[in-house]
Amino acid sequence: MNVLEVVRRPVVTEKAVAKKDGERTMCFEVAAGANKTQIRAAVQLIFKVKVESVRTSNNVGKQRRRGRFSGFRSDWKKAYVKLKAGQKVPEYAEI
């Protein structure tokens, strides 16, 4: 897997922004087959920062309905990436 294919998009929710501001932890949607070492390498390459730790979470897609038709959203994987002390947390618009 290419390093640039690992990180799909940043997760910008109230909880993720609070973690980014208070704990130097960024949250990303990542490829489902990516492991922690691939995520670490991708974030270090893209944002040019040093990573302290990576935590991942697999999220199951919820059931959704449109009238009488029902289906499921896609499953996805989320990664919390904590930066080392002294590293500046980049803004997502600076990519």
C-alpha atoms as a PDB file:
ATOM      1  CA  MET A   1       0.000   0.000   0.000  1.00  0.00           C
ATOM      2  CA  ASN A   2       1.291   3.433  -0.951  1.00  0.00           C
ATOM      3  CA  VAL A   3       2.044   5.717   2.007  1.00  0.00           C
ATOM      4  CA  LEU A   4      -0.199   8.445   0.621  1.00  0.00           C
ATOM      5  CA  GLU A   5      -3.152   6.033   0.307  1.00  0.00           C
ATOM      6  CA  VAL A   6      -3.110   5.204   4.026  1.00  0.00           C
ATOM      7  CA  VAL A   7      -4.559   8.482   5.356  1.00  0.00           C
ATOM      8  CA  ARG A   8      -7.896   9.186   3.676  1.00  0.00           C
ATOM      9  CA  ARG A   9      -9.179  12.325   5.429  1.00  0.00           C
ATOM     10  CA  PRO A  10      -9.101  14.077   8.788  1.00  0.00           C
ATOM     11  CA  VAL A  11     -12.045  13.530  11.113  1.00  0.00           C
ATOM     12  CA  VAL A  12     -13.306  16.987  12.076  1.00  0.00           C
ATOM     13  CA  THR A  13     -15.804  16.544  14.896  1.00  0.00           C
ATOM     14  CA  GLU A  14     -16.171  18.339  18.195  1.00  0.00           C
ATOM     15  CA  LYS A  15     -14.381  15.524  20.041  1.00  0.00           C
ATOM     16  CA  ALA A  16     -11.548  15.314  17.494  1.00  0.00           C
ATOM     17  CA  VAL A  17     -10.919  19.076  17.515  1.00  0.00           C
ATOM     18  CA  ALA A  18     -10.869  19.106  21.339  1.00  0.00           C
ATOM     19  CA  LYS A  19      -8.296  16.266  21.338  1.00  0.00           C
ATOM     20  CA  LYS A  20      -6.219  18.105  18.748  1.00  0.00           C
ATOM     21  CA  ASP A  21      -6.168  21.325  20.755  1.00  0.00           C
ATOM     22  CA  GLY A  22      -5.767  19.841  24.234  1.00  0.00           C
ATOM     23  CA  GLU A  23      -3.815  16.603  23.836  1.00  0.00           C
ATOM     24  CA  ARG A  24      -1.740  17.040  20.614  1.00  0.00           C
ATOM     25  CA  THR A  25      -3.729  14.141  19.105  1.00  0.00           C
ATOM     26  CA  MET A  26      -4.954  14.179  15.508  1.00  0.00           C
ATOM     27  CA  CYS A  27      -7.775  11.964  14.248  1.00  0.00           C
ATOM     28  CA  PHE A  28      -7.924  10.510  10.722  1.00  0.00           C
ATOM     29  CA  GLU A  29     -10.010   8.127   8.672  1.00  0.00           C
ATOM     30  CA  VAL A  30      -7.501   5.599   7.345  1.00  0.00           C
ATOM     31  CA  ALA A  31      -7.500   2.655   4.955  1.00  0.00           C
ATOM     32  CA  ALA A  32      -9.090  -0.456   6.462  1.00  0.00           C
ATOM     33  CA  GLY A  33      -6.012  -2.609   5.796  1.00  0.00           C
ATOM     34  CA  ALA A  34      -3.492  -0.140   7.233  1.00  0.00           C
ATOM     35  CA  ASN A  35      -1.557  -1.051  10.363  1.00  0.00           C
ATOM     36  CA  LYS A  36      -0.094   1.259  12.999  1.00  0.00           C
ATOM     37  CA  THR A  37       3.406   1.413  11.502  1.00  0.00           C
ATOM     38  CA  GLN A  38       2.018   2.397   8.089  1.00  0.00           C
ATOM     39  CA  ILE A  39      -0.165   5.084   9.685  1.00  0.00           C
ATOM     40  CA  ARG A  40       2.819   6.433  11.657  1.00  0.00           C
ATOM     41  CA  ALA A  41       4.999   6.599   8.527  1.00  0.00           C
ATOM     42  CA  ALA A  42       2.259   8.288   6.483  1.00  0.00           C
ATOM     43  CA  VAL A  43       1.566  10.996   9.073  1.00  0.00           C
ATOM     44  CA  GLN A  44       5.282  11.692   9.550  1.00  0.00           C
ATOM     45  CA  LEU A  45       5.759  11.999   5.789  1.00  0.00           C
ATOM     46  CA  ILE A  46       2.677  14.130   5.058  1.00  0.00           C
ATOM     47  CA  PHE A  47       2.802  16.530   8.019  1.00  0.00           C
ATOM     48  CA  LYS A  48       6.586  16.387   8.747  1.00  0.00           C
ATOM     49  CA  VAL A  49       6.122  15.784  12.488  1.00  0.00           C
ATOM     50  CA  LYS A  50       7.310  13.138  14.973  1.00  0.00           C
ATOM     51  CA  VAL A  51       4.647  10.658  16.159  1.00  0.00           C
ATOM     52  CA  GLU A  52       4.611   9.350  19.738  1.00  0.00           C
ATOM     53  CA  SER A  53       1.807   6.778  19.501  1.00  0.00           C
ATOM     54  CA  VAL A  54      -1.000   5.529  17.260  1.00  0.00           C
ATOM     55  CA  ARG A  55      -4.330   4.070  18.401  1.00  0.00           C
ATOM     56  CA  THR A  56      -6.817   2.583  15.957  1.00  0.00           C
ATOM     57  CA  SER A  57     -10.523   1.828  16.039  1.00  0.00           C
ATOM     58  CA  ASN A  58     -12.687  -0.143  13.612  1.00  0.00           C
ATOM     59  CA  ASN A  59     -16.140   1.408  13.226  1.00  0.00           C
ATOM     60  CA  VAL A  60     -19.052  -0.687  11.977  1.00  0.00           C
ATOM     61  CA  GLY A  61     -21.406   0.935   9.473  1.00  0.00           C
ATOM     62  CA  LYS A  62     -24.874   1.777  10.766  1.00  0.00           C
ATOM     63  CA  GLN A  63     -28.132   0.665   9.201  1.00  0.00           C
ATOM     64  CA  ARG A  64     -29.869   3.477   7.280  1.00  0.00           C
ATOM     65  CA  ARG A  65     -33.266   3.655   5.608  1.00  0.00           C
ATOM     66  CA  ARG A  66     -34.694   5.584   2.660  1.00  0.00           C
ATOM     67  CA  GLY A  67     -38.419   4.995   2.843  1.00  0.00           C
ATOM     68  CA  ARG A  68     -38.983   1.280   2.499  1.00  0.00           C
ATOM     69  CA  PHE A  69     -35.415   0.578   1.351  1.00  0.00           C
ATOM     70  CA  SER A  70     -32.757  -0.164   3.938  1.00  0.00           C
ATOM     71  CA  GLY A  71     -29.040  -0.702   3.744  1.00  0.00           C
ATOM     72  CA  PHE A  72     -25.805  -0.235   5.657  1.00  0.00           C
ATOM     73  CA  ARG A  73     -23.150   2.450   5.589  1.00  0.00           C
ATOM     74  CA  SER A  74     -19.616   1.273   4.912  1.00  0.00           C
ATOM     75  CA  ASP A  75     -17.353   0.069   7.720  1.00  0.00           C
ATOM     76  CA  TRP A  76     -14.362   2.349   8.307  1.00  0.00           C
ATOM     77  CA  LYS A  77     -11.212   2.612  10.386  1.00  0.00           C
ATOM     78  CA  LYS A  78     -10.207   5.580  12.535  1.00  0.00           C
ATOM     79  CA  ALA A  79      -6.738   6.392  13.887  1.00  0.00           C
ATOM     80  CA  TYR A  80      -5.774   8.673  16.769  1.00  0.00           C
ATOM     81  CA  VAL A  81      -2.195   9.896  16.261  1.00  0.00           C
ATOM     82  CA  LYS A  82      -0.443  11.524  19.240  1.00  0.00           C
ATOM     83  CA  LEU A  83       2.500  13.797  18.487  1.00  0.00           C
ATOM     84  CA  LYS A  84       5.699  13.966  20.539  1.00  0.00           C
ATOM     85  CA  ALA A  85       6.207  16.823  22.978  1.00  0.00           C
ATOM     86  CA  GLY A  86       7.461  20.001  21.303  1.00  0.00           C
ATOM     87  CA  GLN A  87       5.892  19.189  17.931  1.00  0.00           C
ATOM     88  CA  LYS A  88       3.576  21.812  16.446  1.00  0.00           C
ATOM     89  CA  VAL A  89       0.121  20.413  15.658  1.00  0.00           C
ATOM     90  CA  PRO A  90      -0.571  21.265  12.004  1.00  0.00           C
ATOM     91  CA  GLU A  91      -3.882  22.689  10.891  1.00  0.00           C
ATOM     92  CA  TYR A  92      -5.644  20.488   8.348  1.00  0.00           C
ATOM     93  CA  ALA A  93      -5.958  23.390   5.890  1.00  0.00           C
ATOM     94  CA  GLU A  94      -2.132  23.592   5.650  1.00  0.00           C
ATOM     95  CA  ILE A  95      -1.835  20.285   3.754  1.00  0.00           C
END
